C-alpha atoms as a PDB file:
ATOM      1  CA  MET A   1       0.000   0.000   0.000  1.00  0.00           C
ATOM      2  CA  LEU A   2       1.244   3.447  -1.018  1.00  0.00           C
ATOM      3  CA  THR A   3      -0.506   6.714  -0.156  1.00  0.00           C
ATOM      4  CA  TRP A   4       0.562   8.979  -3.002  1.00  0.00           C
ATOM      5  CA  PRO A   5       2.005  12.454  -2.291  1.00  0.00           C
ATOM      6  CA  HIS A   6       0.099  15.440  -3.631  1.00  0.00           C
ATOM      7  CA  ALA A   7       0.267  19.205  -3.877  1.00  0.00           C
ATOM      8  CA  HIS A   8      -1.939  19.775  -0.818  1.00  0.00           C
ATOM      9  CA  SER A   9       0.340  17.751   1.454  1.00  0.00           C
ATOM     10  CA  ASP A  10       3.670  18.693   3.035  1.00  0.00           C
ATOM     11  CA  TRP A  11       5.271  17.361  -0.148  1.00  0.00           C
ATOM     12  CA  GLY A  12       3.957  20.311  -2.161  1.00  0.00           C
ATOM     13  CA  PRO A  13       7.212  22.309  -2.353  1.00  0.00           C
ATOM     14  CA  ILE A  14       9.282  19.292  -3.461  1.00  0.00           C
ATOM     15  CA  LEU A  15       6.602  17.260  -5.249  1.00  0.00           C
ATOM     16  CA  GLU A  16       8.575  17.193  -8.507  1.00  0.00           C
ATOM     17  CA  ARG A  17      11.513  15.600  -6.692  1.00  0.00           C
ATOM     18  CA  VAL A  18       9.661  13.077  -4.550  1.00  0.00           C
ATOM     19  CA  GLU A  19       7.182  11.702  -7.107  1.00  0.00           C
ATOM     20  CA  PRO A  20       9.924   9.949  -9.129  1.00  0.00           C
ATOM     21  CA  VAL A  21      10.872   8.049  -5.959  1.00  0.00           C
ATOM     22  CA  PHE A  22       7.282   6.873  -5.528  1.00  0.00           C
ATOM     23  CA  ILE A  23       7.162   5.895  -9.201  1.00  0.00           C
ATOM     24  CA  GLN A  24      10.365   3.866  -8.922  1.00  0.00           C
ATOM     25  CA  LEU A  25       9.063   2.238  -5.741  1.00  0.00           C
ATOM     26  CA  ALA A  26       5.655   1.405  -7.232  1.00  0.00           C
ATOM     27  CA  VAL A  27       7.194  -0.002 -10.426  1.00  0.00           C
ATOM     28  CA  ALA A  28       9.600  -2.216  -8.477  1.00  0.00           C
ATOM     29  CA  ILE A  29       6.782  -3.567  -6.312  1.00  0.00           C
ATOM     30  CA  SER A  30       4.318  -4.023  -9.178  1.00  0.00           C
ATOM     31  CA  ARG A  31       6.740  -6.271 -11.040  1.00  0.00           C
ATOM     32  CA  ARG A  32       6.617  -8.712  -8.133  1.00  0.00           C
ATOM     33  CA  GLU A  33       3.253  -8.300  -6.395  1.00  0.00           C
ATOM     34  CA  LYS A  34       0.103  -6.200  -6.293  1.00  0.00           C
ATOM     35  CA  VAL A  35       0.366  -2.594  -5.136  1.00  0.00           C
ATOM     36  CA  LEU A  36      -2.505  -0.494  -3.793  1.00  0.00           C
ATOM     37  CA  LEU A  37      -2.254   3.191  -4.724  1.00  0.00           C
ATOM     38  CA  VAL A  38      -4.286   5.461  -2.443  1.00  0.00           C
ATOM     39  CA  CYS A  39      -4.941   8.689  -4.347  1.00  0.00           C
ATOM     40  CA  HIS A  40      -6.098  12.023  -2.961  1.00  0.00           C
ATOM     41  CA  ASP A  41      -8.586  12.536  -5.820  1.00  0.00           C
ATOM     42  CA  ALA A  42      -9.646  11.177  -9.206  1.00  0.00           C
ATOM     43  CA  GLU A  43      -7.396  13.521 -11.189  1.00  0.00           C
ATOM     44  CA  LEU A  44      -4.349  12.316  -9.284  1.00  0.00           C
ATOM     45  CA  ARG A  45      -5.354   8.708  -9.895  1.00  0.00           C
ATOM     46  CA  ARG A  46      -5.505   9.232 -13.670  1.00  0.00           C
ATOM     47  CA  ASP A  47      -2.140  10.947 -13.650  1.00  0.00           C
ATOM     48  CA  ILE A  48      -0.472   8.267 -11.496  1.00  0.00           C
ATOM     49  CA  LEU A  49      -1.727   5.375 -13.615  1.00  0.00           C
ATOM     50  CA  ALA A  50      -0.557   7.048 -16.820  1.00  0.00           C
ATOM     51  CA  ARG A  51       2.893   7.770 -15.412  1.00  0.00           C
ATOM     52  CA  LEU A  52       3.318   4.290 -13.925  1.00  0.00           C
ATOM     53  CA  THR A  53       2.303   2.619 -17.180  1.00  0.00           C
ATOM     54  CA  ALA A  54       4.816   4.775 -19.070  1.00  0.00           C
ATOM     55  CA  ALA A  55       7.487   3.821 -16.514  1.00  0.00           C
ATOM     56  CA  GLY A  56       6.960   0.105 -17.092  1.00  0.00           C
ATOM     57  CA  ALA A  57       4.776  -0.867 -14.140  1.00  0.00           C
ATOM     58  CA  GLU A  58       2.882  -4.160 -14.340  1.00  0.00           C
ATOM     59  CA  SER A  59      -0.596  -2.739 -14.952  1.00  0.00           C
ATOM     60  CA  ALA A  60      -2.364  -5.944 -13.873  1.00  0.00           C
ATOM     61  CA  HIS A  61      -0.853  -5.491 -10.416  1.00  0.00           C
ATOM     62  CA  LEU A  62      -1.977  -1.890  -9.928  1.00  0.00           C
ATOM     63  CA  CYS A  63      -4.985  -1.370  -7.647  1.00  0.00           C
ATOM     64  CA  THR A  64      -6.306   2.100  -6.871  1.00  0.00           C
ATOM     65  CA  ALA A  65      -8.547   3.834  -4.380  1.00  0.00           C
ATOM     66  CA  ILE A  66      -9.485   7.446  -3.727  1.00  0.00           C
ATOM     67  CA  ALA A  67      -9.190   8.750  -0.172  1.00  0.00           C
ATOM     68  CA  PRO A  68      -8.175  12.246   0.949  1.00  0.00           C
ATOM     69  CA  SER A  69      -4.879  12.302   2.835  1.00  0.00           C
ATOM     70  CA  ASN A  70      -2.777  14.640   4.934  1.00  0.00           C
ATOM     71  CA  ASP A  71       0.489  12.894   4.146  1.00  0.00           C
ATOM     72  CA  SER A  72       2.033   9.721   2.682  1.00  0.00           C
ATOM     73  CA  TRP A  73       3.287   7.585   5.577  1.00  0.00           C
ATOM     74  CA  ALA A  74       1.248   4.442   4.941  1.00  0.00           C
ATOM     75  CA  ARG A  75       3.340   2.433   7.420  1.00  0.00           C
ATOM     76  CA  ASP A  76       1.783   4.472  10.206  1.00  0.00           C
ATOM     77  CA  HIS A  77      -1.774   5.093   9.003  1.00  0.00           C
ATOM     78  CA  GLY A  78      -2.342   1.877   7.028  1.00  0.00           C
ATOM     79  CA  PRO A  79      -3.862  -1.277   8.520  1.00  0.00           C
ATOM     80  CA  ILE A  80      -1.716  -3.733  10.447  1.00  0.00           C
ATOM     81  CA  THR A  81      -2.671  -7.295   9.523  1.00  0.00           C
ATOM     82  CA  VAL A  82      -2.700 -10.361  11.748  1.00  0.00           C
ATOM     83  CA  LEU A  83      -3.899 -13.883  11.087  1.00  0.00           C
ATOM     84  CA  GLN A  84      -6.905 -15.110  13.039  1.00  0.00           C
ATOM     85  CA  ASP A  85      -7.919 -18.719  12.445  1.00  0.00           C
ATOM     86  CA  ASP A  86      -5.579 -18.630   9.428  1.00  0.00           C
ATOM     87  CA  ARG A  87      -7.483 -15.720   7.903  1.00  0.00           C
ATOM     88  CA  PRO A  88      -6.237 -12.125   7.577  1.00  0.00           C
ATOM     89  CA  LEU A  89      -7.721  -9.597   9.989  1.00  0.00           C
ATOM     90  CA  LEU A  90      -7.044  -5.896   9.383  1.00  0.00           C
ATOM     91  CA  LEU A  91      -6.450  -3.789  12.472  1.00  0.00           C
ATOM     92  CA  ASP A  92      -7.207  -0.074  12.200  1.00  0.00           C
ATOM     93  CA  PHE A  93      -5.329   1.531  15.091  1.00  0.00           C
ATOM     94  CA  THR A  94      -5.608   5.237  15.873  1.00  0.00           C
ATOM     95  CA  PHE A  95      -3.071   7.496  14.156  1.00  0.00           C
ATOM     96  CA  ASN A  96      -2.555  10.895  15.800  1.00  0.00           C
ATOM     97  CA  GLY A  97       0.310  12.351  13.783  1.00  0.00           C
ATOM     98  CA  TRP A  98       3.172  10.919  15.853  1.00  0.00           C
ATOM     99  CA  GLY A  99       1.913  12.237  19.153  1.00  0.00           C
ATOM    100  CA  GLY A 100       0.092  15.287  17.812  1.00  0.00           C
ATOM    101  CA  LYS A 101       3.046  16.766  15.906  1.00  0.00           C
ATOM    102  CA  TYR A 102       1.207  17.075  12.569  1.00  0.00           C
ATOM    103  CA  PRO A 103      -2.395  17.141  11.255  1.00  0.00           C
ATOM    104  CA  ALA A 104      -3.609  13.565  10.818  1.00  0.00           C
ATOM    105  CA  GLU A 105      -7.404  13.600  10.701  1.00  0.00           C
ATOM    106  CA  LEU A 106      -7.612  12.533   7.053  1.00  0.00           C
ATOM    107  CA  ASP A 107      -4.869   9.929   7.371  1.00  0.00           C
ATOM    108  CA  ASN A 108      -6.557   8.415  10.422  1.00  0.00           C
ATOM    109  CA  ARG A 109      -9.688   7.836   8.332  1.00  0.00           C
ATOM    110  CA  ILE A 110      -8.005   6.238   5.309  1.00  0.00           C
ATOM    111  CA  THR A 111      -8.251   2.584   6.379  1.00  0.00           C
ATOM    112  CA  GLY A 112     -11.919   2.934   7.290  1.00  0.00           C
ATOM    113  CA  GLU A 113     -12.626   4.609   3.963  1.00  0.00           C
ATOM    114  CA  LEU A 114     -10.883   1.826   2.037  1.00  0.00           C
ATOM    115  CA  VAL A 115     -12.930  -0.754   3.932  1.00  0.00           C
ATOM    116  CA  ARG A 116     -16.123   1.181   3.153  1.00  0.00           C
ATOM    117  CA  GLN A 117     -15.244   1.156  -0.553  1.00  0.00           C
ATOM    118  CA  GLY A 118     -14.671  -2.608  -0.508  1.00  0.00           C
ATOM    119  CA  ILE A 119     -10.988  -2.279  -1.456  1.00  0.00           C
ATOM    120  CA  PHE A 120     -10.064  -5.200   0.818  1.00  0.00           C
ATOM    121  CA  GLY A 121     -12.887  -7.467  -0.369  1.00  0.00           C
ATOM    122  CA  ASP A 122     -14.398  -9.509   2.447  1.00  0.00           C
ATOM    123  CA  THR A 123     -11.352  -9.229   4.723  1.00  0.00           C
ATOM    124  CA  PRO A 124     -12.672  -8.152   8.131  1.00  0.00           C
ATOM    125  CA  CYS A 125     -11.375  -4.982   9.785  1.00  0.00           C
ATOM    126  CA  GLU A 126     -11.392  -4.101  13.478  1.00  0.00           C
ATOM    127  CA  THR A 127     -11.166  -0.479  14.644  1.00  0.00           C
ATOM    128  CA  ILE A 128      -9.020  -0.187  17.772  1.00  0.00           C
ATOM    129  CA  ASP A 129      -8.949   2.712  20.218  1.00  0.00           C
ATOM    130  CA  LEU A 130      -5.196   2.584  20.737  1.00  0.00           C
ATOM    131  CA  VAL A 131      -2.601   4.882  19.191  1.00  0.00           C
ATOM    132  CA  LEU A 132      -0.108   2.674  17.373  1.00  0.00           C
ATOM    133  CA  GLU A 133       2.003   3.290  14.283  1.00  0.00           C
ATOM    134  CA  GLY A 134       3.246   0.404  12.155  1.00  0.00           C
ATOM    135  CA  GLY A 135       6.759   1.839  12.120  1.00  0.00           C
ATOM    136  CA  SER A 136       6.955   1.700  15.897  1.00  0.00           C
ATOM    137  CA  VAL A 137       6.911  -2.114  16.117  1.00  0.00           C
ATOM    138  CA  ASP A 138       8.718  -4.909  14.301  1.00  0.00           C
ATOM    139  CA  SER A 139       7.707  -8.558  14.578  1.00  0.00           C
ATOM    140  CA  ASP A 140       9.636 -11.797  14.101  1.00  0.00           C
ATOM    141  CA  GLY A 141       6.401 -13.511  13.021  1.00  0.00           C
ATOM    142  CA  ARG A 142       6.591 -15.885  15.988  1.00  0.00           C
ATOM    143  CA  GLY A 143       5.241 -13.732  18.789  1.00  0.00           C
ATOM    144  CA  GLY A 144       8.370 -11.641  19.300  1.00  0.00           C
ATOM    145  CA  LEU A 145       8.035  -7.865  19.090  1.00  0.00           C
ATOM    146  CA  LEU A 146      10.848  -5.295  18.949  1.00  0.00           C
ATOM    147  CA  THR A 147      10.119  -1.678  19.878  1.00  0.00           C
ATOM    148  CA  THR A 148      11.372   1.404  21.722  1.00  0.00           C
ATOM    149  CA  ARG A 149      10.295   2.815  25.051  1.00  0.00           C
ATOM    150  CA  HIS A 150      10.672   6.368  23.780  1.00  0.00           C
ATOM    151  CA  CYS A 151       7.900   5.862  21.221  1.00  0.00           C
ATOM    152  CA  LEU A 152       5.429   3.402  22.685  1.00  0.00           C
ATOM    153  CA  LEU A 153       5.550   4.939  26.163  1.00  0.00           C
ATOM    154  CA  SER A 154       5.283   8.496  24.842  1.00  0.00           C
ATOM    155  CA  PRO A 155       2.762  10.506  26.931  1.00  0.00           C
ATOM    156  CA  ASN A 156       1.372  11.999  23.705  1.00  0.00           C
ATOM    157  CA  ARG A 157       0.131   8.645  22.430  1.00  0.00           C
ATOM    158  CA  ASN A 158      -1.496   6.554  25.162  1.00  0.00           C
ATOM    159  CA  PRO A 159      -0.925   8.536  28.372  1.00  0.00           C
ATOM    160  CA  ALA A 160      -3.224   6.363  30.491  1.00  0.00           C
ATOM    161  CA  LEU A 161      -1.286   3.167  29.745  1.00  0.00           C
ATOM    162  CA  SER A 162       1.851   1.924  31.463  1.00  0.00           C
ATOM    163  CA  ARG A 163       4.331  -0.436  29.863  1.00  0.00           C
ATOM    164  CA  THR A 164       2.271  -3.313  31.275  1.00  0.00           C
ATOM    165  CA  GLY A 165      -0.890  -1.841  29.787  1.00  0.00           C
ATOM    166  CA  ILE A 166       0.763  -1.415  26.392  1.00  0.00           C
ATOM    167  CA  GLU A 167       1.973  -5.021  26.464  1.00  0.00           C
ATOM    168  CA  GLN A 168      -1.498  -6.263  27.375  1.00  0.00           C
ATOM    169  CA  ASN A 169      -2.968  -4.418  24.396  1.00  0.00           C
ATOM    170  CA  LEU A 170      -0.283  -5.700  22.035  1.00  0.00           C
ATOM    171  CA  ARG A 171      -0.803  -9.241  23.283  1.00  0.00           C
ATOM    172  CA  ARG A 172      -4.567  -8.982  22.772  1.00  0.00           C
ATOM    173  CA  HIS A 173      -4.445  -7.415  19.322  1.00  0.00           C
ATOM    174  CA  LEU A 174      -1.160  -8.618  17.774  1.00  0.00           C
ATOM    175  CA  GLY A 175      -0.679 -11.917  19.593  1.00  0.00           C
ATOM    176  CA  SER A 176       2.722 -10.782  20.863  1.00  0.00           C
ATOM    177  CA  GLU A 177       4.197 -12.846  23.669  1.00  0.00           C
ATOM    178  CA  HIS A 178       7.885 -11.878  23.816  1.00  0.00           C
ATOM    179  CA  TYR A 179       8.716  -8.179  24.171  1.00  0.00           C
ATOM    180  CA  LEU A 180      12.076  -6.667  23.249  1.00  0.00           C
ATOM    181  CA  TRP A 181      12.210  -3.084  24.522  1.00  0.00           C
ATOM    182  CA  LEU A 182      15.054  -0.729  23.596  1.00  0.00           C
ATOM    183  CA  SER A 183      15.795   2.260  25.821  1.00  0.00           C
ATOM    184  CA  HIS A 184      18.428   3.739  23.515  1.00  0.00           C
ATOM    185  CA  GLY A 185      18.778   4.662  19.862  1.00  0.00           C
ATOM    186  CA  ASN A 186      17.740   7.739  17.944  1.00  0.00           C
ATOM    187  CA  LEU A 187      18.605   9.571  14.741  1.00  0.00           C
ATOM    188  CA  LEU A 188      19.083  13.317  14.495  1.00  0.00           C
ATOM    189  CA  GLY A 189      16.156  14.777  12.576  1.00  0.00           C
ATOM    190  CA  ASP A 190      13.768  11.971  13.504  1.00  0.00           C
ATOM    191  CA  ASP A 191      10.274  13.186  14.382  1.00  0.00           C
ATOM    192  CA  THR A 192       8.703   9.821  15.304  1.00  0.00           C
ATOM    193  CA  ASP A 193      10.170   9.468  18.812  1.00  0.00           C
ATOM    194  CA  SER A 194      12.544   6.718  17.685  1.00  0.00           C
ATOM    195  CA  HIS A 195      10.480   4.421  15.478  1.00  0.00           C
ATOM    196  CA  ILE A 196      12.096   1.005  15.512  1.00  0.00           C
ATOM    197  CA  ASP A 197      11.977   0.741  11.706  1.00  0.00           C
ATOM    198  CA  THR A 198      14.630   3.461  11.486  1.00  0.00           C
ATOM    199  CA  LEU A 199      16.925   1.705  13.981  1.00  0.00           C
ATOM    200  CA  ALA A 200      16.697  -2.111  14.043  1.00  0.00           C
ATOM    201  CA  ARG A 201      14.780  -4.669  11.982  1.00  0.00           C
ATOM    202  CA  PHE A 202      14.131  -8.390  11.976  1.00  0.00           C
ATOM    203  CA  CYS A 203      15.531 -10.075   8.852  1.00  0.00           C
ATOM    204  CA  ASP A 204      14.323 -13.439  10.123  1.00  0.00           C
ATOM    205  CA  ALA A 205      13.331 -14.714  13.551  1.00  0.00           C
ATOM    206  CA  GLN A 206      16.971 -14.973  14.695  1.00  0.00           C
ATOM    207  CA  THR A 207      18.573 -12.054  12.825  1.00  0.00           C
ATOM    208  CA  ILE A 208      18.384  -8.315  13.487  1.00  0.00           C
ATOM    209  CA  ALA A 209      19.965  -5.677  11.243  1.00  0.00           C
ATOM    210  CA  TYR A 210      20.632  -2.414  13.033  1.00  0.00           C
ATOM    211  CA  VAL A 211      22.170   1.020  12.576  1.00  0.00           C
ATOM    212  CA  ALA A 212      25.721   1.077  13.930  1.00  0.00           C
ATOM    213  CA  CYS A 213      28.071   3.968  14.649  1.00  0.00           C
ATOM    214  CA  GLU A 214      31.758   3.328  15.299  1.00  0.00           C
ATOM    215  CA  ASP A 215      32.986   6.930  15.186  1.00  0.00           C
ATOM    216  CA  PRO A 216      33.366   8.457  18.696  1.00  0.00           C
ATOM    217  CA  GLY A 217      33.270  11.900  17.114  1.00  0.00           C
ATOM    218  CA  ASN A 218      29.831  11.349  15.597  1.00  0.00           C
ATOM    219  CA  PRO A 219      26.957  12.837  17.649  1.00  0.00           C
ATOM    220  CA  HIS A 220      25.049   9.543  17.235  1.00  0.00           C
ATOM    221  CA  TYR A 221      27.835   7.525  18.840  1.00  0.00           C
ATOM    222  CA  PRO A 222      26.677   7.409  22.506  1.00  0.00           C
ATOM    223  CA  GLU A 223      23.070   6.426  21.763  1.00  0.00           C
ATOM    224  CA  LEU A 224      23.805   3.941  18.985  1.00  0.00           C
ATOM    225  CA  GLN A 225      26.582   2.307  20.978  1.00  0.00           C
ATOM    226  CA  ALA A 226      24.172   1.939  23.906  1.00  0.00           C
ATOM    227  CA  MET A 227      21.563   0.477  21.565  1.00  0.00           C
ATOM    228  CA  GLN A 228      24.118  -1.981  20.211  1.00  0.00           C
ATOM    229  CA  ARG A 229      24.822  -3.189  23.748  1.00  0.00           C
ATOM    230  CA  GLU A 230      21.101  -3.587  24.386  1.00  0.00           C
ATOM    231  CA  LEU A 231      20.658  -5.620  21.210  1.00  0.00           C
ATOM    232  CA  ALA A 232      23.561  -7.872  22.173  1.00  0.00           C
ATOM    233  CA  ALA A 233      21.868  -8.548  25.516  1.00  0.00           C
ATOM    234  CA  LEU A 234      18.493  -9.457  23.988  1.00  0.00           C
ATOM    235  CA  ARG A 235      17.466 -13.100  23.810  1.00  0.00           C
ATOM    236  CA  THR A 236      14.920 -14.995  21.735  1.00  0.00           C
ATOM    237  CA  ALA A 237      12.014 -16.752  23.410  1.00  0.00           C
ATOM    238  CA  ASP A 238      14.288 -19.824  23.430  1.00  0.00           C
ATOM    239  CA  ARG A 239      16.984 -17.807  25.273  1.00  0.00           C
ATOM    240  CA  ALA A 240      19.355 -17.678  22.306  1.00  0.00           C
ATOM    241  CA  ALA A 241      21.300 -14.563  21.340  1.00  0.00           C
ATOM    242  CA  TYR A 242      20.324 -12.850  18.118  1.00  0.00           C
ATOM    243  CA  ARG A 243      22.535 -12.757  15.049  1.00  0.00           C
ATOM    244  CA  LEU A 244      23.282  -9.041  14.723  1.00  0.00           C
ATOM    245  CA  ILE A 245      24.051  -7.386  11.374  1.00  0.00           C
ATOM    246  CA  PRO A 246      25.503  -3.853  11.681  1.00  0.00           C
ATOM    247  CA  LEU A 247      24.480  -1.400   8.981  1.00  0.00           C
ATOM    248  CA  PRO A 248      26.639   1.710   8.614  1.00  0.00           C
ATOM    249  CA  LEU A 249      25.310   5.129   9.461  1.00  0.00           C
ATOM    250  CA  PRO A 250      25.135   7.080   6.187  1.00  0.00           C
ATOM    251  CA  ALA A 251      27.179  10.240   5.810  1.00  0.00           C
ATOM    252  CA  ALA A 252      25.243  13.218   7.138  1.00  0.00           C
ATOM    253  CA  GLN A 253      22.370  14.466   4.974  1.00  0.00           C
ATOM    254  CA  TYR A 254      20.927  17.986   5.335  1.00  0.00           C
ATOM    255  CA  ASN A 255      18.007  19.926   3.921  1.00  0.00           C
ATOM    256  CA  GLU A 256      18.156  23.446   2.488  1.00  0.00           C
ATOM    257  CA  ARG A 257      17.733  24.918   5.984  1.00  0.00           C
ATOM    258  CA  GLY A 258      20.812  23.078   7.205  1.00  0.00           C
ATOM    259  CA  GLU A 259      18.813  20.636   9.339  1.00  0.00           C
ATOM    260  CA  ARG A 260      20.184  17.111   9.620  1.00  0.00           C
ATOM    261  CA  LEU A 261      17.887  14.468   8.129  1.00  0.00           C
ATOM    262  CA  PRO A 262      17.339  10.935   9.526  1.00  0.00           C
ATOM    263  CA  ALA A 263      19.052   8.870   6.837  1.00  0.00           C
ATOM    264  CA  THR A 264      19.130   5.141   7.640  1.00  0.00           C
ATOM    265  CA  TYR A 265      19.563   1.821   5.853  1.00  0.00           C
ATOM    266  CA  ALA A 266      17.388   0.034   8.426  1.00  0.00           C
ATOM    267  CA  ASN A 267      14.306   1.330   6.614  1.00  0.00           C
ATOM    268  CA  PHE A 268      14.563  -1.363   3.935  1.00  0.00           C
ATOM    269  CA  LEU A 269      11.415  -3.009   2.530  1.00  0.00           C
ATOM    270  CA  ILE A 270      11.075  -6.777   2.095  1.00  0.00           C
ATOM    271  CA  ILE A 271       8.763  -7.793  -0.774  1.00  0.00           C
ATOM    272  CA  ASP A 272       8.275 -10.946  -2.838  1.00  0.00           C
ATOM    273  CA  GLY A 273      11.669 -11.912  -4.227  1.00  0.00           C
ATOM    274  CA  ALA A 274      13.431  -8.675  -3.367  1.00  0.00           C
ATOM    275  CA  VAL A 275      14.565  -6.248  -0.689  1.00  0.00           C
ATOM    276  CA  LEU A 276      14.298  -2.568  -1.574  1.00  0.00           C
ATOM    277  CA  VAL A 277      17.024  -0.593   0.174  1.00  0.00           C
ATOM    278  CA  PRO A 278      17.187   3.185   0.605  1.00  0.00           C
ATOM    279  CA  VAL A 279      20.447   4.752  -0.559  1.00  0.00           C
ATOM    280  CA  TYR A 280      21.758   8.299  -0.301  1.00  0.00           C
ATOM    281  CA  GLY A 281      24.546   8.695  -2.848  1.00  0.00           C
ATOM    282  CA  VAL A 282      27.318   8.138  -0.292  1.00  0.00           C
ATOM    283  CA  ALA A 283      30.117   5.604   0.170  1.00  0.00           C
ATOM    284  CA  GLU A 284      28.220   3.772   2.901  1.00  0.00           C
ATOM    285  CA  ASP A 285      25.584   2.709   0.348  1.00  0.00           C
ATOM    286  CA  VAL A 286      27.905   0.008  -1.009  1.00  0.00           C
ATOM    287  CA  VAL A 287      28.591  -1.451   2.438  1.00  0.00           C
ATOM    288  CA  ALA A 288      24.917  -1.527   3.408  1.00  0.00           C
ATOM    289  CA  LEU A 289      23.855  -3.176   0.151  1.00  0.00           C
ATOM    290  CA  ALA A 290      26.555  -5.837   0.469  1.00  0.00           C
ATOM    291  CA  ARG A 291      25.645  -6.688   4.047  1.00  0.00           C
ATOM    292  CA  LEU A 292      21.945  -6.977   3.296  1.00  0.00           C
ATOM    293  CA  ALA A 293      22.716  -9.119   0.237  1.00  0.00           C
ATOM    294  CA  LYS A 294      24.425 -11.632   2.526  1.00  0.00           C
ATOM    295  CA  VAL A 295      21.433 -11.666   4.869  1.00  0.00           C
ATOM    296  CA  PHE A 296      18.927 -12.116   2.021  1.00  0.00           C
ATOM    297  CA  PRO A 297      20.779 -14.390  -0.455  1.00  0.00           C
ATOM    298  CA  ALA A 298      17.566 -15.586  -2.139  1.00  0.00           C
ATOM    299  CA  ARG A 299      16.271 -12.070  -2.830  1.00  0.00           C
ATOM    300  CA  GLU A 300      17.322  -9.406  -5.289  1.00  0.00           C
ATOM    301  CA  ILE A 301      18.706  -6.306  -3.591  1.00  0.00           C
ATOM    302  CA  VAL A 302      17.269  -3.183  -5.235  1.00  0.00           C
ATOM    303  CA  ALA A 303      18.718   0.228  -4.365  1.00  0.00           C
ATOM    304  CA  ILE A 304      16.366   3.215  -4.427  1.00  0.00           C
ATOM    305  CA  ASP A 305      17.598   6.779  -3.958  1.00  0.00           C
ATOM    306  CA  ALA A 306      15.668   7.941  -0.900  1.00  0.00           C
ATOM    307  CA  ARG A 307      17.153  11.425  -0.538  1.00  0.00           C
ATOM    308  CA  PRO A 308      13.878  13.188  -1.461  1.00  0.00           C
ATOM    309  CA  LEU A 309      11.947  11.012   1.035  1.00  0.00           C
ATOM    310  CA  ILE A 310      14.093  11.930   4.022  1.00  0.00           C
ATOM    311  CA  GLU A 311      13.298  15.591   3.326  1.00  0.00           C
ATOM    312  CA  GLN A 312      10.077  14.746   5.197  1.00  0.00           C
ATOM    313  CA  PHE A 313      11.943  12.560   7.722  1.00  0.00           C
ATOM    314  CA  GLY A 314      11.080   9.042   6.492  1.00  0.00           C
ATOM    315  CA  SER A 315      12.151   6.458   3.928  1.00  0.00           C
ATOM    316  CA  LEU A 316      11.030   3.356   1.973  1.00  0.00           C
ATOM    317  CA  HIS A 317       9.562   1.270   4.781  1.00  0.00           C
ATOM    318  CA  CYS A 318       7.820   4.351   6.193  1.00  0.00           C
ATOM    319  CA  VAL A 319       5.837   5.057   3.003  1.00  0.00           C
ATOM    320  CA  THR A 320       4.632   1.479   2.510  1.00  0.00           C
ATOM    321  CA  MET A 321       2.395  -0.992   4.329  1.00  0.00           C
ATOM    322  CA  GLN A 322       2.333  -4.662   3.386  1.00  0.00           C
ATOM    323  CA  LEU A 323      -0.915  -6.585   2.891  1.00  0.00           C
ATOM    324  CA  PRO A 324      -1.012 -10.409   2.889  1.00  0.00           C
ATOM    325  CA  ALA A 325      -1.912 -12.287  -0.273  1.00  0.00           C
ATOM    326  CA  GLY A 326      -5.680 -12.416  -0.710  1.00  0.00           C
ATOM    327  CA  VAL A 327      -6.476  -9.088   0.932  1.00  0.00           C
ATOM    328  CA  LEU A 328      -6.582  -7.268  -2.413  1.00  0.00           C
ATOM    329  CA  PRO A 329      -9.157  -8.996  -4.662  1.00  0.00           C
END
């Protein structure tokens, strides 16, 4: 699922630069699986389909819907899917703009609107009165859940819930049984309160790729070194240590105002037969691509220039939300 950027969103000033990234992303996905394009209006839908067809997208894999949007971060406003009795169940959590930082009323209604239009066929959807963004949690698919205290325990999301209360909700809705909380780790320029998908990701149930910093002179060094120690101390449900794959911290990226942007290779996207990896035109790109290629030997590694995306503080994983086979008719 992609929620397409448009002129009325924060992307307006750099729309000409960011749309090619979305086109490249949609084409790469469409060649391997279906992709749902959520469009702000009918005119945008016509334009997107024409441009994607011209760019070589697999037209049979393009699905569209019209729903007004504030922004494009489908990972955080799209539905999170679980399996219940071996059938997909869509979960529509509350999205409040990362703790009230940005307008989110339209984005919070997108999943419900798609359900109303029948976009997901007969897949059931449950609306949940809990603020939870998809980028704030990462699952091993076996009941293990990796997250950060800074985000999930933020007072601007679910102030009435303690860590125990959050875990009870995640257990009830996501089936999580094994919680891996990180107290450290952040990227300069991040506005999500340390979403885990910018810091550390499951590659499989025993392997975690994470952002590493080995330069004591880098301002990220103290926090990322502390996070690395935390990851090394984590154990699987079977009490085994995780296989840890360090990903380099990209060379610093800045916007026109001189603000540092949260560039990260941990925001990769796993799809059928491939892993799409954000790159930034720096030397560290080569190292990150090589390390992920070793972790995913059966998948093609596809580099996508994500520099326009981080202008709005996110990357490839942040602008996408996966849907299991069968959810899109």
